[in-house]
Amino acid sequence: MSYKVKLDVFEGPFDLLVYLIETAEMSIYDIRIAEITEQYLDALREMEKRDVAVTGDFMVLAATLIEIKSRMLLPNASPDGEEAEDPRSELVQKLLEYKKAKAEAALLAEQEDYARRIYKKPQEDLSVYTKEPDEILNLDLPAFVKAFELFLQKKKRIEEMHTRYVRVERERMTLEARIEQIKSYFREGRPVKFLDLLGGKKTRSNAVLTFLSILELVRQKTLTARQRSNFGEITLTPAKEKK
């Protein structure tokens, strides 16, 4: 029963032959067949000295090298005068295919080693943080009318806010000035939604400046902020109304 022979860096007969050719700095397209055959046979004798069983593959390649060596000694011409095919051509082709397969195997081994060092984090269910339960609107006519009236009142308050207060451009507005401006919105003591403070200028810069101002007012205990659900609307109330 045959098995893979590994002696030092050699795995199989072609691995040994390629090593010998590269060590001798020969071109794989122009192998000095007599020299390489002797080196190959010496390597087999060394393997036998080390009590390493030489498989049939090694012996077959040794016989092939000896045959090519013998053919190289014959005149390099056919009976009809044409130049005969180089006896080494078939061996060269097999060596090229072996080197290509070995390079591809090394690349696959490298990719496998890289893949083994990659760990994936299991996907988590974030729906509990991002989804709110569906709310079904079930109103009779009087309740619908009342809701619409509240909507109109809210719209009116926003319009009044726009007419009473002048918005300043962000580059001219400081955090302190924005805080004072927000304080004026609560003179009547009524709760105000965060989005109402933004008014018609819902830019990112205005939102950030307004949010930082609210945080400072909450820290100063001038305002209280409530948010009933994740990503829900923020309601602001003067601290003196807090119970």
Protein backbone atom coordinates (compact mmCIF):
# COMPACT_ATOMS: atom_id res chain seq x y z
CA MET A 1 0.00 0.00 0.00
CA SER A 2 1.48 3.36 -1.05
CA TYR A 3 1.47 6.49 1.11
CA LYS A 4 2.71 10.07 0.86
CA VAL A 5 6.42 10.34 1.57
CA LYS A 6 7.66 13.53 3.19
CA LEU A 7 11.40 13.91 3.69
CA ASP A 8 12.43 17.35 4.95
CA VAL A 9 10.68 19.69 2.47
CA PHE A 10 9.89 17.05 -0.16
CA GLU A 11 6.38 15.73 -0.75
CA GLY A 12 6.30 13.31 -3.65
CA PRO A 13 8.71 12.79 -6.56
CA PHE A 14 7.94 16.01 -8.46
CA ASP A 15 8.49 18.09 -5.33
CA LEU A 16 11.95 16.57 -4.99
CA LEU A 17 12.71 17.05 -8.69
CA VAL A 18 11.63 20.71 -8.66
CA TYR A 19 13.78 21.32 -5.59
CA LEU A 20 16.83 19.81 -7.27
CA ILE A 21 16.31 21.85 -10.45
CA GLU A 22 15.89 25.12 -8.55
CA THR A 23 18.88 24.38 -6.27
CA ALA A 24 21.06 23.76 -9.32
CA GLU A 25 19.75 27.06 -10.79
CA MET A 26 18.63 25.33 -13.95
CA SER A 27 15.96 26.59 -16.28
CA ILE A 28 12.98 24.31 -16.18
CA TYR A 29 12.84 24.60 -19.99
CA ASP A 30 16.48 23.47 -20.37
CA ILE A 31 17.12 20.78 -17.76
CA ARG A 32 20.61 19.28 -17.67
CA ILE A 33 19.09 15.82 -17.58
CA ALA A 34 22.28 13.83 -16.86
CA GLU A 35 23.16 15.97 -13.84
CA ILE A 36 19.65 16.09 -12.44
CA THR A 37 19.18 12.33 -12.87
CA GLU A 38 22.27 11.60 -10.78
CA GLN A 39 21.13 14.01 -8.08
CA TYR A 40 17.67 12.44 -8.05
CA LEU A 41 19.06 8.91 -7.70
CA ASP A 42 21.37 10.11 -4.89
CA ALA A 43 18.33 11.53 -3.08
CA LEU A 44 16.54 8.18 -3.36
CA ARG A 45 19.59 6.35 -1.96
CA GLU A 46 19.63 8.82 0.97
CA MET A 47 15.96 8.14 1.62
CA GLU A 48 16.66 4.40 1.74
CA LYS A 49 19.52 4.97 4.19
CA ARG A 50 17.07 6.72 6.49
CA ASP A 51 14.76 3.71 6.29
CA VAL A 52 12.15 5.75 4.47
CA ALA A 53 10.06 3.55 2.22
CA VAL A 54 10.27 4.90 -1.31
CA THR A 55 6.92 4.65 -3.06
CA GLY A 56 6.37 3.54 -6.60
CA ASP A 57 5.87 7.12 -7.75
CA PHE A 58 9.48 7.95 -6.92
CA MET A 59 10.74 4.87 -8.77
CA VAL A 60 8.60 5.58 -11.82
CA LEU A 61 10.01 9.11 -12.08
CA ALA A 62 13.54 7.73 -11.64
CA ALA A 63 12.95 5.33 -14.54
CA THR A 64 11.56 8.21 -16.62
CA LEU A 65 14.66 10.32 -15.96
CA ILE A 66 16.96 7.44 -16.92
CA GLU A 67 14.98 6.89 -20.12
CA ILE A 68 15.19 10.59 -21.03
CA LYS A 69 18.92 10.55 -20.27
CA SER A 70 19.39 7.63 -22.64
CA ARG A 71 17.37 9.29 -25.40
CA MET A 72 19.42 12.48 -24.98
CA LEU A 73 22.53 10.46 -25.93
CA LEU A 74 21.01 9.49 -29.30
CA PRO A 75 21.46 11.69 -32.38
CA ASN A 76 18.93 14.50 -32.37
CA ALA A 77 17.49 13.78 -35.81
CA SER A 78 14.84 11.55 -37.33
CA PRO A 79 15.48 9.22 -40.32
CA ASP A 80 13.87 11.68 -42.74
CA GLY A 81 16.25 14.45 -41.65
CA GLU A 82 13.82 16.42 -39.50
CA GLU A 83 14.81 17.45 -36.00
CA ALA A 84 13.37 15.05 -33.40
CA GLU A 85 11.24 16.25 -30.53
CA ASP A 86 13.10 17.13 -27.35
CA PRO A 87 12.81 14.07 -25.00
CA ARG A 88 12.45 16.48 -22.05
CA SER A 89 9.36 18.29 -23.39
CA GLU A 90 6.79 15.99 -21.76
CA LEU A 91 8.62 16.12 -18.42
CA VAL A 92 8.84 19.92 -18.61
CA GLN A 93 5.09 20.16 -19.23
CA LYS A 94 4.35 17.96 -16.21
CA LEU A 95 6.69 20.01 -14.03
CA LEU A 96 4.98 23.25 -15.08
CA GLU A 97 1.56 21.80 -14.28
CA TYR A 98 2.84 20.58 -10.90
CA LYS A 99 4.27 23.98 -9.96
CA LYS A 100 1.02 25.68 -10.96
CA ALA A 101 -1.08 23.24 -8.90
CA LYS A 102 1.24 23.63 -5.90
CA ALA A 103 1.04 27.43 -6.06
CA GLU A 104 -2.77 27.28 -6.20
CA ALA A 105 -2.84 24.85 -3.27
CA ALA A 106 -0.63 27.19 -1.24
CA LEU A 107 -2.99 30.09 -2.02
CA LEU A 108 -6.02 28.06 -0.95
CA ALA A 109 -4.25 27.05 2.27
CA GLU A 110 -3.44 30.69 2.99
CA GLN A 111 -7.06 31.71 2.41
CA GLU A 112 -8.26 28.87 4.63
CA ASP A 113 -5.92 29.98 7.40
CA TYR A 114 -7.14 33.57 7.04
CA ALA A 115 -10.79 32.44 7.14
CA ARG A 116 -10.18 30.48 10.34
CA ARG A 117 -9.08 33.70 12.05
CA ILE A 118 -12.29 35.54 11.16
CA TYR A 119 -15.07 35.42 13.72
CA LYS A 120 -18.58 36.62 12.97
CA LYS A 121 -20.83 38.14 15.57
CA PRO A 122 -24.27 36.48 15.59
CA GLN A 123 -27.04 38.72 14.35
CA GLU A 124 -29.15 40.16 17.14
CA ASP A 125 -32.85 40.90 17.11
CA LEU A 126 -33.11 44.68 17.49
CA SER A 127 -36.81 44.86 16.74
CA VAL A 128 -37.57 45.25 20.43
CA TYR A 129 -35.72 48.59 20.34
CA THR A 130 -36.81 49.86 16.94
CA LYS A 131 -40.42 48.83 16.62
CA GLU A 132 -43.40 50.28 18.43
CA PRO A 133 -46.66 48.36 18.70
CA ASP A 134 -49.24 49.28 16.10
CA GLU A 135 -51.90 51.67 17.31
CA ILE A 136 -55.35 51.42 15.79
CA LEU A 137 -57.29 54.69 15.55
CA ASN A 138 -60.90 54.03 16.50
CA LEU A 139 -62.73 57.35 16.93
CA ASP A 140 -66.34 58.35 16.62
CA LEU A 141 -67.30 61.61 14.94
CA PRO A 142 -67.24 63.84 18.07
CA ALA A 143 -63.82 62.47 19.08
CA PHE A 144 -62.51 63.02 15.56
CA VAL A 145 -63.76 66.62 15.56
CA LYS A 146 -62.08 67.23 18.92
CA ALA A 147 -58.79 65.79 17.63
CA PHE A 148 -59.00 68.03 14.57
CA GLU A 149 -59.63 71.08 16.76
CA LEU A 150 -56.54 70.23 18.82
CA PHE A 151 -54.57 70.01 15.60
CA LEU A 152 -55.77 73.47 14.55
CA GLN A 153 -54.90 74.91 17.96
CA LYS A 154 -51.40 73.45 17.72
CA LYS A 155 -50.98 74.87 14.24
CA LYS A 156 -52.12 78.28 15.49
CA ARG A 157 -49.63 78.23 18.36
CA ILE A 158 -46.80 77.44 15.96
CA GLU A 159 -47.80 80.33 13.70
CA GLU A 160 -47.94 82.67 16.69
CA MET A 161 -44.50 81.50 17.75
CA HIS A 162 -43.14 82.27 14.30
CA THR A 163 -44.57 85.77 14.32
CA ARG A 164 -43.47 86.61 17.89
CA TYR A 165 -39.89 85.42 17.76
CA VAL A 166 -37.20 86.11 15.21
CA ARG A 167 -34.93 83.22 14.25
CA VAL A 168 -31.24 84.06 14.01
CA GLU A 169 -28.84 82.37 11.55
CA ARG A 170 -26.76 79.61 13.11
CA GLU A 171 -23.43 81.33 12.53
CA ARG A 172 -24.71 84.30 14.52
CA MET A 173 -26.41 82.23 17.20
CA THR A 174 -24.49 81.14 20.29
CA LEU A 175 -25.55 78.46 22.75
CA GLU A 176 -26.23 81.11 25.38
CA ALA A 177 -28.42 83.13 22.99
CA ARG A 178 -30.37 80.02 21.99
CA ILE A 179 -30.97 79.14 25.65
CA GLU A 180 -32.41 82.58 26.31
CA GLN A 181 -34.56 82.30 23.20
CA ILE A 182 -35.92 78.92 24.31
CA LYS A 183 -36.70 80.29 27.78
CA SER A 184 -38.99 82.87 26.21
CA TYR A 185 -41.13 80.10 24.71
CA PHE A 186 -42.23 79.03 28.19
CA ARG A 187 -43.37 82.38 29.56
CA GLU A 188 -46.97 81.24 29.39
CA GLY A 189 -46.14 78.06 31.29
CA ARG A 190 -47.45 75.69 28.62
CA PRO A 191 -45.67 72.49 27.54
CA VAL A 192 -43.87 72.67 24.21
CA LYS A 193 -42.82 69.87 21.88
CA PHE A 194 -39.20 69.67 20.77
CA LEU A 195 -40.18 69.77 17.08
CA ASP A 196 -42.20 72.94 17.75
CA LEU A 197 -39.03 74.64 18.94
CA LEU A 198 -37.39 73.93 15.59
CA GLY A 199 -40.23 75.64 13.74
CA GLY A 200 -39.78 75.92 10.03
CA LYS A 201 -36.00 75.64 10.17
CA LYS A 202 -35.50 71.91 10.74
CA THR A 203 -31.87 71.82 9.69
CA ARG A 204 -29.34 69.57 11.37
CA SER A 205 -27.37 72.51 12.78
CA ASN A 206 -30.50 74.10 14.26
CA ALA A 207 -31.61 70.77 15.74
CA VAL A 208 -28.20 70.18 17.36
CA LEU A 209 -28.03 73.70 18.79
CA THR A 210 -31.57 73.45 20.12
CA PHE A 211 -30.99 70.01 21.63
CA LEU A 212 -27.79 71.15 23.39
CA SER A 213 -29.65 74.16 24.75
CA ILE A 214 -32.41 71.93 26.12
CA LEU A 215 -29.87 69.66 27.80
CA GLU A 216 -28.33 72.66 29.50
CA LEU A 217 -31.74 73.91 30.67
CA VAL A 218 -32.59 70.46 32.01
CA ARG A 219 -29.25 70.38 33.82
CA GLN A 220 -30.05 73.77 35.31
CA LYS A 221 -33.47 72.37 36.35
CA THR A 222 -35.19 75.09 34.37
CA LEU A 223 -37.04 72.57 32.20
CA THR A 224 -38.13 68.97 32.51
CA ALA A 225 -38.17 66.65 29.49
CA ARG A 226 -40.34 63.60 28.96
CA GLN A 227 -40.28 60.93 26.24
CA ARG A 228 -42.87 58.20 26.61
CA SER A 229 -41.32 55.75 24.12
CA ASN A 230 -38.14 55.09 22.16
CA PHE A 231 -37.76 57.68 19.39
CA GLY A 232 -41.00 59.24 20.58
CA GLU A 233 -41.79 62.92 20.78
CA ILE A 234 -40.01 64.94 23.50
CA THR A 235 -42.26 67.15 25.62
CA LEU A 236 -40.71 70.05 27.53
CA THR A 237 -42.33 71.61 30.61
CA PRO A 238 -41.21 74.44 32.90
CA ALA A 239 -39.68 72.92 36.02
CA LYS A 240 -41.94 74.92 38.33
CA GLU A 241 -44.90 72.89 37.01
CA LYS A 242 -43.26 69.61 37.85
CA LYS A 243 -45.15 67.73 40.53
